Amino acid sequence: MISLLLAATAPAAPPIPTQQVQIPPVAVQNQTWFQDHAAWLTHTLAGGFIVAAVALIVLLAVQTTKQEGLSGTIGGRVESAYSRMGAEDQLKRITGVVAIAFVVIGTILALTGI
């Protein structure tokens, strides 16, 4: 009963002042001009880079090695200076073109800051 009387007669605690905290705005990442104005170009280049990488892996996996074993050494290859390119030569040329495209696209992507 005494505690009820003390609680009823005790003065109320003053309210705790609250401070309004200023939250700084979220920092915006610095983007390059290409990322702001030519997003379609950056996405196209990134997609082309991935396609070139996969194509290069497949083309390199399909090619045969230069060492054909003992049968290639003994039998040799008959080559003519006037014949059309064989499948292996065309595959080497395509692989070279894809490798150059891979390097060029990768350099462009690195320079544009993507």
PDB file of N, CA and C in Angstrom:
ATOM      1  N   MET A   1       0.811  -1.176   0.000  1.00  0.00           N
ATOM      2  CA  MET A   1       0.000   0.000   0.000  1.00  0.00           C
ATOM      3  C   MET A   1       0.865   1.255   0.000  1.00  0.00           C
ATOM      4  N   ILE A   2       1.963   1.207   0.751  1.00  0.00           N
ATOM      5  CA  ILE A   2       2.855   2.355   0.797  1.00  0.00           C
ATOM      6  C   ILE A   2       3.479   2.581  -0.576  1.00  0.00           C
ATOM      7  N   SER A   3       3.809   1.528  -1.277  1.00  0.00           N
ATOM      8  CA  SER A   3       4.416   1.696  -2.586  1.00  0.00           C
ATOM      9  C   SER A   3       3.442   2.339  -3.563  1.00  0.00           C
ATOM     10  N   LEU A   4       2.144   2.072  -3.398  1.00  0.00           N
ATOM     11  CA  LEU A   4       1.155   2.715  -4.237  1.00  0.00           C
ATOM     12  C   LEU A   4       1.078   4.204  -3.964  1.00  0.00           C
ATOM     13  N   LEU A   5       1.173   4.579  -2.707  1.00  0.00           N
ATOM     14  CA  LEU A   5       1.135   5.990  -2.358  1.00  0.00           C
ATOM     15  C   LEU A   5       2.376   6.715  -2.877  1.00  0.00           C
ATOM     16  N   LEU A   6       3.532   6.054  -2.748  1.00  0.00           N
ATOM     17  CA  LEU A   6       4.763   6.679  -3.220  1.00  0.00           C
ATOM     18  C   LEU A   6       4.742   6.823  -4.736  1.00  0.00           C
ATOM     19  N   ALA A   7       4.212   5.819  -5.415  1.00  0.00           N
ATOM     20  CA  ALA A   7       4.166   5.884  -6.865  1.00  0.00           C
ATOM     21  C   ALA A   7       3.211   6.965  -7.333  1.00  0.00           C
ATOM     22  N   ALA A   8       2.134   7.172  -6.581  1.00  0.00           N
ATOM     23  CA  ALA A   8       1.155   8.176  -6.977  1.00  0.00           C
ATOM     24  C   ALA A   8       1.654   9.584  -6.693  1.00  0.00           C
ATOM     25  N   THR A   9       2.468   9.755  -5.666  1.00  0.00           N
ATOM     26  CA  THR A   9       2.932  11.083  -5.307  1.00  0.00           C
ATOM     27  C   THR A   9       4.271  11.444  -5.943  1.00  0.00           C
ATOM     28  N   ALA A  10       4.981  10.468  -6.526  1.00  0.00           N
ATOM     29  CA  ALA A  10       6.287  10.760  -7.119  1.00  0.00           C
ATOM     30  C   ALA A  10       6.086  11.553  -8.404  1.00  0.00           C
ATOM     31  N   PRO A  11       6.949  12.552  -8.609  1.00  0.00           N
ATOM     32  CA  PRO A  11       6.800  13.339  -9.832  1.00  0.00           C
ATOM     33  C   PRO A  11       7.215  12.512 -11.055  1.00  0.00           C
ATOM     34  N   ALA A  12       6.614  12.801 -12.160  1.00  0.00           N
ATOM     35  CA  ALA A  12       6.940  12.081 -13.395  1.00  0.00           C
ATOM     36  C   ALA A  12       8.306  12.528 -13.896  1.00  0.00           C
ATOM     37  N   ALA A  13       9.023  11.592 -14.480  1.00  0.00           N
ATOM     38  CA  ALA A  13      10.351  11.895 -15.004  1.00  0.00           C
ATOM     39  C   ALA A  13      10.187  12.796 -16.225  1.00  0.00           C
ATOM     40  N   PRO A  14      11.098  13.743 -16.387  1.00  0.00           N
ATOM     41  CA  PRO A  14      10.991  14.617 -17.556  1.00  0.00           C
ATOM     42  C   PRO A  14      11.235  13.815 -18.832  1.00  0.00           C
ATOM     43  N   PRO A  15      10.604  14.197 -19.917  1.00  0.00           N
ATOM     44  CA  PRO A  15      10.816  13.433 -21.160  1.00  0.00           C
ATOM     45  C   PRO A  15      12.258  13.568 -21.631  1.00  0.00           C
ATOM     46  N   ILE A  16      12.747  12.506 -22.202  1.00  0.00           N
ATOM     47  CA  ILE A  16      14.117  12.485 -22.715  1.00  0.00           C
ATOM     48  C   ILE A  16      14.121  13.202 -24.060  1.00  0.00           C
ATOM     49  N   PRO A  17      14.966  14.223 -24.179  1.00  0.00           N
ATOM     50  CA  PRO A  17      14.981  14.930 -25.460  1.00  0.00           C
ATOM     51  C   PRO A  17      15.567  14.027 -26.559  1.00  0.00           C
ATOM     52  N   THR A  18      14.939  14.056 -27.679  1.00  0.00           N
ATOM     53  CA  THR A  18      15.435  13.250 -28.804  1.00  0.00           C
ATOM     54  C   THR A  18      16.150  14.169 -29.784  1.00  0.00           C
ATOM     55  N   GLN A  19      17.216  13.668 -30.318  1.00  0.00           N
ATOM     56  CA  GLN A  19      17.958  14.425 -31.307  1.00  0.00           C
ATOM     57  C   GLN A  19      17.639  13.864 -32.690  1.00  0.00           C
ATOM     58  N   GLN A  20      17.486  14.752 -33.622  1.00  0.00           N
ATOM     59  CA  GLN A  20      17.277  14.291 -34.985  1.00  0.00           C
ATOM     60  C   GLN A  20      18.647  14.099 -35.629  1.00  0.00           C
ATOM     61  N   VAL A  21      18.872  12.892 -36.038  1.00  0.00           N
ATOM     62  CA  VAL A  21      20.163  12.530 -36.607  1.00  0.00           C
ATOM     63  C   VAL A  21      20.087  12.723 -38.114  1.00  0.00           C
ATOM     64  N   GLN A  22      21.058  13.448 -38.636  1.00  0.00           N
ATOM     65  CA  GLN A  22      21.141  13.650 -40.074  1.00  0.00           C
ATOM     66  C   GLN A  22      21.857  12.449 -40.688  1.00  0.00           C
ATOM     67  N   ILE A  23      21.166  11.697 -41.522  1.00  0.00           N
ATOM     68  CA  ILE A  23      21.762  10.554 -42.194  1.00  0.00           C
ATOM     69  C   ILE A  23      22.286  11.050 -43.540  1.00  0.00           C
ATOM     70  N   PRO A  24      23.561  10.857 -43.776  1.00  0.00           N
ATOM     71  CA  PRO A  24      24.103  11.335 -45.062  1.00  0.00           C
ATOM     72  C   PRO A  24      23.500  10.531 -46.207  1.00  0.00           C
ATOM     73  N   PRO A  25      23.344  11.158 -47.356  1.00  0.00           N
ATOM     74  CA  PRO A  25      22.796  10.421 -48.506  1.00  0.00           C
ATOM     75  C   PRO A  25      23.738   9.316 -48.932  1.00  0.00           C
ATOM     76  N   VAL A  26      23.166   8.296 -49.513  1.00  0.00           N
ATOM     77  CA  VAL A  26      23.958   7.160 -49.985  1.00  0.00           C
ATOM     78  C   VAL A  26      24.887   7.641 -51.096  1.00  0.00           C
ATOM     79  N   ALA A  27      26.129   7.259 -50.960  1.00  0.00           N
ATOM     80  CA  ALA A  27      27.113   7.680 -51.956  1.00  0.00           C
ATOM     81  C   ALA A  27      26.814   6.995 -53.289  1.00  0.00           C
ATOM     82  N   VAL A  28      26.728   7.763 -54.325  1.00  0.00           N
ATOM     83  CA  VAL A  28      26.489   7.236 -55.660  1.00  0.00           C
ATOM     84  C   VAL A  28      27.828   6.834 -56.253  1.00  0.00           C
ATOM     85  N   GLN A  29      27.862   5.643 -56.797  1.00  0.00           N
ATOM     86  CA  GLN A  29      29.106   5.183 -57.395  1.00  0.00           C
ATOM     87  C   GLN A  29      29.404   6.004 -58.637  1.00  0.00           C
ATOM     88  N   ASN A  30      30.660   6.269 -58.827  1.00  0.00           N
ATOM     89  CA  ASN A  30      31.067   6.996 -60.027  1.00  0.00           C
ATOM     90  C   ASN A  30      30.948   6.059 -61.224  1.00  0.00           C
ATOM     91  N   GLN A  31      30.161   6.461 -62.175  1.00  0.00           N
ATOM     92  CA  GLN A  31      30.002   5.661 -63.371  1.00  0.00           C
ATOM     93  C   GLN A  31      30.634   6.394 -64.542  1.00  0.00           C
ATOM     94  N   THR A  32      31.086   5.618 -65.489  1.00  0.00           N
ATOM     95  CA  THR A  32      31.689   6.222 -66.662  1.00  0.00           C
ATOM     96  C   THR A  32      30.594   6.746 -67.593  1.00  0.00           C
ATOM     97  N   TRP A  33      31.010   7.511 -68.579  1.00  0.00           N
ATOM     98  CA  TRP A  33      30.060   8.069 -69.534  1.00  0.00           C
ATOM     99  C   TRP A  33      29.346   6.950 -70.278  1.00  0.00           C
ATOM    100  N   PHE A  34      30.097   5.897 -70.591  1.00  0.00           N
ATOM    101  CA  PHE A  34      29.505   4.781 -71.318  1.00  0.00           C
ATOM    102  C   PHE A  34      28.424   4.092 -70.489  1.00  0.00           C
ATOM    103  N   GLN A  35      28.645   3.949 -69.191  1.00  0.00           N
ATOM    104  CA  GLN A  35      27.657   3.300 -68.343  1.00  0.00           C
ATOM    105  C   GLN A  35      26.403   4.153 -68.201  1.00  0.00           C
ATOM    106  N   ASP A  36      26.549   5.465 -68.209  1.00  0.00           N
ATOM    107  CA  ASP A  36      25.400   6.346 -68.069  1.00  0.00           C
ATOM    108  C   ASP A  36      24.613   6.502 -69.364  1.00  0.00           C
ATOM    109  N   HIS A  37      25.310   6.650 -70.483  1.00  0.00           N
ATOM    110  CA  HIS A  37      24.647   7.034 -71.722  1.00  0.00           C
ATOM    111  C   HIS A  37      24.563   5.942 -72.780  1.00  0.00           C
ATOM    112  N   ALA A  38      25.357   4.917 -72.655  1.00  0.00           N
ATOM    113  CA  ALA A  38      25.337   3.861 -73.670  1.00  0.00           C
ATOM    114  C   ALA A  38      25.320   2.492 -73.003  1.00  0.00           C
ATOM    115  N   ALA A  39      24.326   2.277 -72.151  1.00  0.00           N
ATOM    116  CA  ALA A  39      24.234   0.994 -71.450  1.00  0.00           C
ATOM    117  C   ALA A  39      24.028  -0.152 -72.434  1.00  0.00           C
ATOM    118  N   TRP A  40      23.316   0.116 -73.516  1.00  0.00           N
ATOM    119  CA  TRP A  40      23.102  -0.934 -74.516  1.00  0.00           C
ATOM    120  C   TRP A  40      24.418  -1.388 -75.118  1.00  0.00           C
ATOM    121  N   LEU A  41      25.361  -0.441 -75.299  1.00  0.00           N
ATOM    122  CA  LEU A  41      26.653  -0.782 -75.881  1.00  0.00           C
ATOM    123  C   LEU A  41      27.477  -1.629 -74.915  1.00  0.00           C
ATOM    124  N   THR A  42      27.473  -1.241 -73.657  1.00  0.00           N
ATOM    125  CA  THR A  42      28.260  -1.990 -72.675  1.00  0.00           C
ATOM    126  C   THR A  42      27.715  -3.400 -72.492  1.00  0.00           C
ATOM    127  N   HIS A  43      26.398  -3.538 -72.489  1.00  0.00           N
ATOM    128  CA  HIS A  43      25.820  -4.872 -72.343  1.00  0.00           C
ATOM    129  C   HIS A  43      26.064  -5.725 -73.587  1.00  0.00           C
ATOM    130  N   THR A  44      26.024  -5.102 -74.747  1.00  0.00           N
ATOM    131  CA  THR A  44      26.301  -5.836 -75.977  1.00  0.00           C
ATOM    132  C   THR A  44      27.755  -6.301 -76.014  1.00  0.00           C
ATOM    133  N   LEU A  45      28.666  -5.430 -75.626  1.00  0.00           N
ATOM    134  CA  LEU A  45      30.078  -5.813 -75.596  1.00  0.00           C
ATOM    135  C   LEU A  45      30.333  -6.919 -74.573  1.00  0.00           C
ATOM    136  N   ALA A  46      29.695  -6.818 -73.414  1.00  0.00           N
ATOM    137  CA  ALA A  46      29.879  -7.856 -72.395  1.00  0.00           C
ATOM    138  C   ALA A  46      29.331  -9.194 -72.882  1.00  0.00           C
ATOM    139  N   GLY A  47      28.182  -9.156 -73.569  1.00  0.00           N
ATOM    140  CA  GLY A  47      27.632 -10.391 -74.134  1.00  0.00           C
ATOM    141  C   GLY A  47      28.526 -10.966 -75.217  1.00  0.00           C
ATOM    142  N   GLY A  48      29.054 -10.101 -76.069  1.00  0.00           N
ATOM    143  CA  GLY A  48      29.982 -10.548 -77.111  1.00  0.00           C
ATOM    144  C   GLY A  48      31.256 -11.134 -76.527  1.00  0.00           C
ATOM    145  N   PHE A  49      31.697 -10.578 -75.419  1.00  0.00           N
ATOM    146  CA  PHE A  49      32.894 -11.077 -74.744  1.00  0.00           C
ATOM    147  C   PHE A  49      32.663 -12.498 -74.229  1.00  0.00           C
ATOM    148  N   ILE A  50      31.490 -12.725 -73.663  1.00  0.00           N
ATOM    149  CA  ILE A  50      31.171 -14.057 -73.145  1.00  0.00           C
ATOM    150  C   ILE A  50      31.039 -15.057 -74.295  1.00  0.00           C
ATOM    151  N   VAL A  51      30.378 -14.642 -75.379  1.00  0.00           N
ATOM    152  CA  VAL A  51      30.229 -15.531 -76.537  1.00  0.00           C
ATOM    153  C   VAL A  51      31.598 -15.857 -77.131  1.00  0.00           C
ATOM    154  N   ALA A  52      32.476 -14.866 -77.241  1.00  0.00           N
ATOM    155  CA  ALA A  52      33.813 -15.102 -77.787  1.00  0.00           C
ATOM    156  C   ALA A  52      34.614 -16.038 -76.879  1.00  0.00           C
ATOM    157  N   ALA A  53      34.456 -15.898 -75.577  1.00  0.00           N
ATOM    158  CA  ALA A  53      35.182 -16.770 -74.644  1.00  0.00           C
ATOM    159  C   ALA A  53      34.729 -18.217 -74.782  1.00  0.00           C
ATOM    160  N   VAL A  54      33.417 -18.426 -74.848  1.00  0.00           N
ATOM    161  CA  VAL A  54      32.905 -19.798 -74.986  1.00  0.00           C
ATOM    162  C   VAL A  54      33.309 -20.377 -76.340  1.00  0.00           C
ATOM    163  N   ALA A  55      33.204 -19.574 -77.405  1.00  0.00           N
ATOM    164  CA  ALA A  55      33.586 -20.050 -78.737  1.00  0.00           C
ATOM    165  C   ALA A  55      35.069 -20.402 -78.788  1.00  0.00           C
ATOM    166  N   LEU A  56      35.895 -19.597 -78.140  1.00  0.00           N
ATOM    167  CA  LEU A  56      37.334 -19.872 -78.124  1.00  0.00           C
ATOM    168  C   LEU A  56      37.629 -21.177 -77.384  1.00  0.00           C
ATOM    169  N   ILE A  57      36.947 -21.420 -76.295  1.00  0.00           N
ATOM    170  CA  ILE A  57      37.140 -22.676 -75.555  1.00  0.00           C
ATOM    171  C   ILE A  57      36.742 -23.872 -76.414  1.00  0.00           C
ATOM    172  N   VAL A  58      35.593 -23.760 -77.082  1.00  0.00           N
ATOM    173  CA  VAL A  58      35.126 -24.872 -77.923  1.00  0.00           C
ATOM    174  C   VAL A  58      36.071 -25.096 -79.099  1.00  0.00           C
ATOM    175  N   LEU A  59      36.468 -24.027 -79.767  1.00  0.00           N
ATOM    176  CA  LEU A  59      37.355 -24.171 -80.930  1.00  0.00           C
ATOM    177  C   LEU A  59      38.713 -24.760 -80.547  1.00  0.00           C
ATOM    178  N   LEU A  60      39.234 -24.367 -79.409  1.00  0.00           N
ATOM    179  CA  LEU A  60      40.523 -24.916 -78.981  1.00  0.00           C
ATOM    180  C   LEU A  60      40.391 -26.373 -78.563  1.00  0.00           C
ATOM    181  N   ALA A  61      39.230 -26.754 -78.029  1.00  0.00           N
ATOM    182  CA  ALA A  61      39.040 -28.145 -77.624  1.00  0.00           C
ATOM    183  C   ALA A  61      38.864 -29.065 -78.826  1.00  0.00           C
ATOM    184  N   VAL A  62      38.353 -28.546 -79.938  1.00  0.00           N
ATOM    185  CA  VAL A  62      38.084 -29.364 -81.118  1.00  0.00           C
ATOM    186  C   VAL A  62      39.345 -29.610 -81.943  1.00  0.00           C
ATOM    187  N   GLN A  63      40.282 -28.713 -81.890  1.00  0.00           N
ATOM    188  CA  GLN A  63      41.472 -28.824 -82.748  1.00  0.00           C
ATOM    189  C   GLN A  63      42.328 -30.019 -82.368  1.00  0.00           C
ATOM    190  N   THR A  64      42.999 -30.566 -83.387  1.00  0.00           N
ATOM    191  CA  THR A  64      43.924 -31.671 -83.151  1.00  0.00           C
ATOM    192  C   THR A  64      45.305 -31.100 -82.834  1.00  0.00           C
ATOM    193  N   THR A  65      46.098 -31.910 -82.200  1.00  0.00           N
ATOM    194  CA  THR A  65      47.451 -31.456 -81.857  1.00  0.00           C
ATOM    195  C   THR A  65      48.361 -31.580 -83.065  1.00  0.00           C
ATOM    196  N   LYS A  66      49.515 -30.930 -83.001  1.00  0.00           N
ATOM    197  CA  LYS A  66      50.478 -31.000 -84.103  1.00  0.00           C
ATOM    198  C   LYS A  66      51.189 -32.346 -84.119  1.00  0.00           C
ATOM    199  N   GLN A  67      51.278 -32.987 -82.988  1.00  0.00           N
ATOM    200  CA  GLN A  67      51.951 -34.282 -82.924  1.00  0.00           C
ATOM    201  C   GLN A  67      50.935 -35.363 -83.298  1.00  0.00           C
ATOM    202  N   GLU A  68      51.069 -35.898 -84.460  1.00  0.00           N
ATOM    203  CA  GLU A  68      50.137 -36.921 -84.919  1.00  0.00           C
ATOM    204  C   GLU A  68      50.656 -38.322 -84.632  1.00  0.00           C
ATOM    205  N   GLY A  69      51.722 -38.430 -83.942  1.00  0.00           N
ATOM    206  CA  GLY A  69      52.253 -39.742 -83.612  1.00  0.00           C
ATOM    207  C   GLY A  69      53.193 -40.267 -84.687  1.00  0.00           C
ATOM    208  N   LEU A  70      53.528 -41.535 -84.582  1.00  0.00           N
ATOM    209  CA  LEU A  70      54.486 -42.163 -85.487  1.00  0.00           C
ATOM    210  C   LEU A  70      53.932 -42.276 -86.906  1.00  0.00           C
ATOM    211  N   SER A  71      52.646 -42.495 -87.042  1.00  0.00           N
ATOM    212  CA  SER A  71      52.078 -42.647 -88.387  1.00  0.00           C
ATOM    213  C   SER A  71      52.169 -41.336 -89.167  1.00  0.00           C
ATOM    214  N   GLY A  72      52.055 -40.213 -88.525  1.00  0.00           N
ATOM    215  CA  GLY A  72      52.180 -38.935 -89.204  1.00  0.00           C
ATOM    216  C   GLY A  72      53.607 -38.647 -89.619  1.00  0.00           C
ATOM    217  N   THR A  73      54.566 -39.150 -88.847  1.00  0.00           N
ATOM    218  CA  THR A  73      55.965 -38.926 -89.172  1.00  0.00           C
ATOM    219  C   THR A  73      56.401 -39.786 -90.352  1.00  0.00           C
ATOM    220  N   ILE A  74      56.004 -41.046 -90.348  1.00  0.00           N
ATOM    221  CA  ILE A  74      56.416 -41.958 -91.415  1.00  0.00           C
ATOM    222  C   ILE A  74      55.649 -41.682 -92.700  1.00  0.00           C
ATOM    223  N   GLY A  75      54.340 -41.596 -92.597  1.00  0.00           N
ATOM    224  CA  GLY A  75      53.517 -41.414 -93.781  1.00  0.00           C
ATOM    225  C   GLY A  75      53.622 -40.017 -94.343  1.00  0.00           C
ATOM    226  N   GLY A  76      53.786 -39.064 -93.506  1.00  0.00           N
ATOM    227  CA  GLY A  76      53.863 -37.681 -93.953  1.00  0.00           C
ATOM    228  C   GLY A  76      52.519 -37.181 -94.447  1.00  0.00           C
ATOM    229  N   ARG A  77      52.479 -35.908 -94.830  1.00  0.00           N
ATOM    230  CA  ARG A  77      51.260 -35.320 -95.366  1.00  0.00           C
ATOM    231  C   ARG A  77      51.542 -34.853 -96.776  1.00  0.00           C
ATOM    232  N   VAL A  78      50.608 -35.116 -97.619  1.00  0.00           N
ATOM    233  CA  VAL A  78      50.735 -34.652 -98.992  1.00  0.00           C
ATOM    234  C   VAL A  78      50.037 -33.302 -99.064  1.00  0.00           C
ATOM    235  N   GLU A  79      50.791 -32.264 -99.407  1.00  0.00           N
ATOM    236  CA  GLU A  79      50.216 -30.935 -99.500  1.00  0.00           C
ATOM    237  C   GLU A  79      50.451 -30.395-100.888  1.00  0.00           C
ATOM    238  N   SER A  80      49.511 -29.690-101.368  1.00  0.00           N
ATOM    239  CA  SER A  80      49.644 -29.058-102.661  1.00  0.00           C
ATOM    240  C   SER A  80      49.541 -27.555-102.461  1.00  0.00           C
ATOM    241  N   ALA A  81      50.313 -26.810-103.203  1.00  0.00           N
ATOM    242  CA  ALA A  81      50.298 -25.354-103.058  1.00  0.00           C
ATOM    243  C   ALA A  81      49.033 -24.747-103.635  1.00  0.00           C
ATOM    244  N   TYR A  82      48.347 -25.471-104.503  1.00  0.00           N
ATOM    245  CA  TYR A  82      47.178 -24.909-105.174  1.00  0.00           C
ATOM    246  C   TYR A  82      45.855 -25.454-104.646  1.00  0.00           C
ATOM    247  N   SER A  83      45.892 -26.250-103.632  1.00  0.00           N
ATOM    248  CA  SER A  83      44.643 -26.823-103.122  1.00  0.00           C
ATOM    249  C   SER A  83      43.933 -25.842-102.194  1.00  0.00           C
ATOM    250  N   ARG A  84      42.657 -26.082-102.009  1.00  0.00           N
ATOM    251  CA  ARG A  84      41.888 -25.253-101.079  1.00  0.00           C
ATOM    252  C   ARG A  84      42.281 -25.628 -99.658  1.00  0.00           C
ATOM    253  N   MET A  85      41.974 -24.717 -98.753  1.00  0.00           N
ATOM    254  CA  MET A  85      42.317 -24.989 -97.362  1.00  0.00           C
ATOM    255  C   MET A  85      41.489 -26.159 -96.848  1.00  0.00           C
ATOM    256  N   GLY A  86      42.136 -26.994 -96.076  1.00  0.00           N
ATOM    257  CA  GLY A  86      41.434 -28.113 -95.468  1.00  0.00           C
ATOM    258  C   GLY A  86      40.649 -27.652 -94.248  1.00  0.00           C
ATOM    259  N   ALA A  87      39.964 -28.604 -93.657  1.00  0.00           N
ATOM    260  CA  ALA A  87      39.131 -28.285 -92.492  1.00  0.00           C
ATOM    261  C   ALA A  87      39.982 -27.794 -91.321  1.00  0.00           C
ATOM    262  N   GLU A  88      41.153 -28.396 -91.166  1.00  0.00           N
ATOM    263  CA  GLU A  88      42.016 -27.988 -90.049  1.00  0.00           C
ATOM    264  C   GLU A  88      42.530 -26.566 -90.234  1.00  0.00           C
ATOM    265  N   ASP A  89      42.882 -26.225 -91.453  1.00  0.00           N
ATOM    266  CA  ASP A  89      43.377 -24.873 -91.709  1.00  0.00           C
ATOM    267  C   ASP A  89      42.267 -23.835 -91.520  1.00  0.00           C
ATOM    268  N   GLN A  90      41.060 -24.184 -91.955  1.00  0.00           N
ATOM    269  CA  GLN A  90      39.943 -23.262 -91.737  1.00  0.00           C
ATOM    270  C   GLN A  90      39.639 -23.115 -90.254  1.00  0.00           C
ATOM    271  N   LEU A  91      39.745 -24.221 -89.525  1.00  0.00           N
ATOM    272  CA  LEU A  91      39.507 -24.169 -88.082  1.00  0.00           C
ATOM    273  C   LEU A  91      40.553 -23.308 -87.382  1.00  0.00           C
ATOM    274  N   LYS A  92      41.807 -23.389 -87.846  1.00  0.00           N
ATOM    275  CA  LYS A  92      42.864 -22.549 -87.273  1.00  0.00           C
ATOM    276  C   LYS A  92      42.606 -21.076 -87.556  1.00  0.00           C
ATOM    277  N   ARG A  93      42.166 -20.776 -88.780  1.00  0.00           N
ATOM    278  CA  ARG A  93      41.884 -19.382 -89.142  1.00  0.00           C
ATOM    279  C   ARG A  93      40.711 -18.832 -88.312  1.00  0.00           C
ATOM    280  N   ILE A  94      39.658 -19.614 -88.171  1.00  0.00           N
ATOM    281  CA  ILE A  94      38.502 -19.174 -87.372  1.00  0.00           C
ATOM    282  C   ILE A  94      38.899 -18.981 -85.915  1.00  0.00           C
ATOM    283  N   THR A  95      39.722 -19.883 -85.394  1.00  0.00           N
ATOM    284  CA  THR A  95      40.185 -19.758 -84.009  1.00  0.00           C
ATOM    285  C   THR A  95      41.003 -18.487 -83.821  1.00  0.00           C
ATOM    286  N   GLY A  96      41.838 -18.167 -84.802  1.00  0.00           N
ATOM    287  CA  GLY A  96      42.626 -16.929 -84.721  1.00  0.00           C
ATOM    288  C   GLY A  96      41.742 -15.690 -84.725  1.00  0.00           C
ATOM    289  N   VAL A  97      40.712 -15.698 -85.576  1.00  0.00           N
ATOM    290  CA  VAL A  97      39.799 -14.547 -85.630  1.00  0.00           C
ATOM    291  C   VAL A  97      39.046 -14.393 -84.314  1.00  0.00           C
ATOM    292  N   VAL A  98      38.570 -15.507 -83.759  1.00  0.00           N
ATOM    293  CA  VAL A  98      37.836 -15.452 -82.487  1.00  0.00           C
ATOM    294  C   VAL A  98      38.767 -15.011 -81.357  1.00  0.00           C
ATOM    295  N   ALA A  99      40.015 -15.458 -81.373  1.00  0.00           N
ATOM    296  CA  ALA A  99      40.974 -15.054 -80.342  1.00  0.00           C
ATOM    297  C   ALA A  99      41.253 -13.550 -80.419  1.00  0.00           C
ATOM    298  N   ILE A 100      41.393 -13.034 -81.638  1.00  0.00           N
ATOM    299  CA  ILE A 100      41.625 -11.591 -81.797  1.00  0.00           C
ATOM    300  C   ILE A 100      40.396 -10.805 -81.327  1.00  0.00           C
ATOM    301  N   ALA A 101      39.204 -11.284 -81.681  1.00  0.00           N
ATOM    302  CA  ALA A 101      37.971 -10.616 -81.232  1.00  0.00           C
ATOM    303  C   ALA A 101      37.868 -10.628 -79.720  1.00  0.00           C
ATOM    304  N   PHE A 102      38.244 -11.743 -79.099  1.00  0.00           N
ATOM    305  CA  PHE A 102      38.214 -11.856 -77.633  1.00  0.00           C
ATOM    306  C   PHE A 102      39.124 -10.823 -76.982  1.00  0.00           C
ATOM    307  N   VAL A 103      40.334 -10.683 -77.508  1.00  0.00           N
ATOM    308  CA  VAL A 103      41.290  -9.734 -76.934  1.00  0.00           C
ATOM    309  C   VAL A 103      40.836  -8.286 -77.159  1.00  0.00           C
ATOM    310  N   VAL A 104      40.340  -7.991 -78.353  1.00  0.00           N
ATOM    311  CA  VAL A 104      39.910  -6.622 -78.661  1.00  0.00           C
ATOM    312  C   VAL A 104      38.708  -6.224 -77.802  1.00  0.00           C
ATOM    313  N   ILE A 105      37.716  -7.108 -77.709  1.00  0.00           N
ATOM    314  CA  ILE A 105      36.540  -6.795 -76.900  1.00  0.00           C
ATOM    315  C   ILE A 105      36.930  -6.662 -75.427  1.00  0.00           C
ATOM    316  N   GLY A 106      37.806  -7.526 -74.942  1.00  0.00           N
ATOM    317  CA  GLY A 106      38.263  -7.418 -73.556  1.00  0.00           C
ATOM    318  C   GLY A 106      38.993  -6.113 -73.281  1.00  0.00           C
ATOM    319  N   THR A 107      39.788  -5.650 -74.245  1.00  0.00           N
ATOM    320  CA  THR A 107      40.490  -4.376 -74.087  1.00  0.00           C
ATOM    321  C   THR A 107      39.507  -3.217 -74.070  1.00  0.00           C
ATOM    322  N   ILE A 108      38.519  -3.244 -74.964  1.00  0.00           N
ATOM    323  CA  ILE A 108      37.509  -2.185 -74.985  1.00  0.00           C
ATOM    324  C   ILE A 108      36.722  -2.151 -73.675  1.00  0.00           C
ATOM    325  N   LEU A 109      36.350  -3.310 -73.182  1.00  0.00           N
ATOM    326  CA  LEU A 109      35.617  -3.358 -71.916  1.00  0.00           C
ATOM    327  C   LEU A 109      36.462  -2.820 -70.761  1.00  0.00           C
ATOM    328  N   ALA A 110      37.744  -3.128 -70.775  1.00  0.00           N
ATOM    329  CA  ALA A 110      38.618  -2.638 -69.699  1.00  0.00           C
ATOM    330  C   ALA A 110      38.791  -1.117 -69.784  1.00  0.00           C
ATOM    331  N   LEU A 111      38.881  -0.581 -70.988  1.00  0.00           N
ATOM    332  CA  LEU A 111      39.091   0.857 -71.141  1.00  0.00           C
ATOM    333  C   LEU A 111      37.829   1.665 -70.841  1.00  0.00           C
ATOM    334  N   THR A 112      36.651   1.099 -71.090  1.00  0.00           N
ATOM    335  CA  THR A 112      35.419   1.818 -70.814  1.00  0.00           C
ATOM    336  C   THR A 112      35.003   1.738 -69.366  1.00  0.00           C
ATOM    337  N   GLY A 113      35.666   0.941 -68.574  1.00  0.00           N
ATOM    338  CA  GLY A 113      35.406   0.895 -67.148  1.00  0.00           C
ATOM    339  C   GLY A 113      34.191   0.100 -66.743  1.00  0.00           C
ATOM    340  N   ILE A 114      33.932  -0.957 -67.440  1.00  0.00           N
ATOM    341  CA  ILE A 114      32.752  -1.768 -67.110  1.00  0.00           C
ATOM    342  C   ILE A 114      33.137  -2.835 -66.115  1.00  0.00           C
TER     343      ILE A 114
END
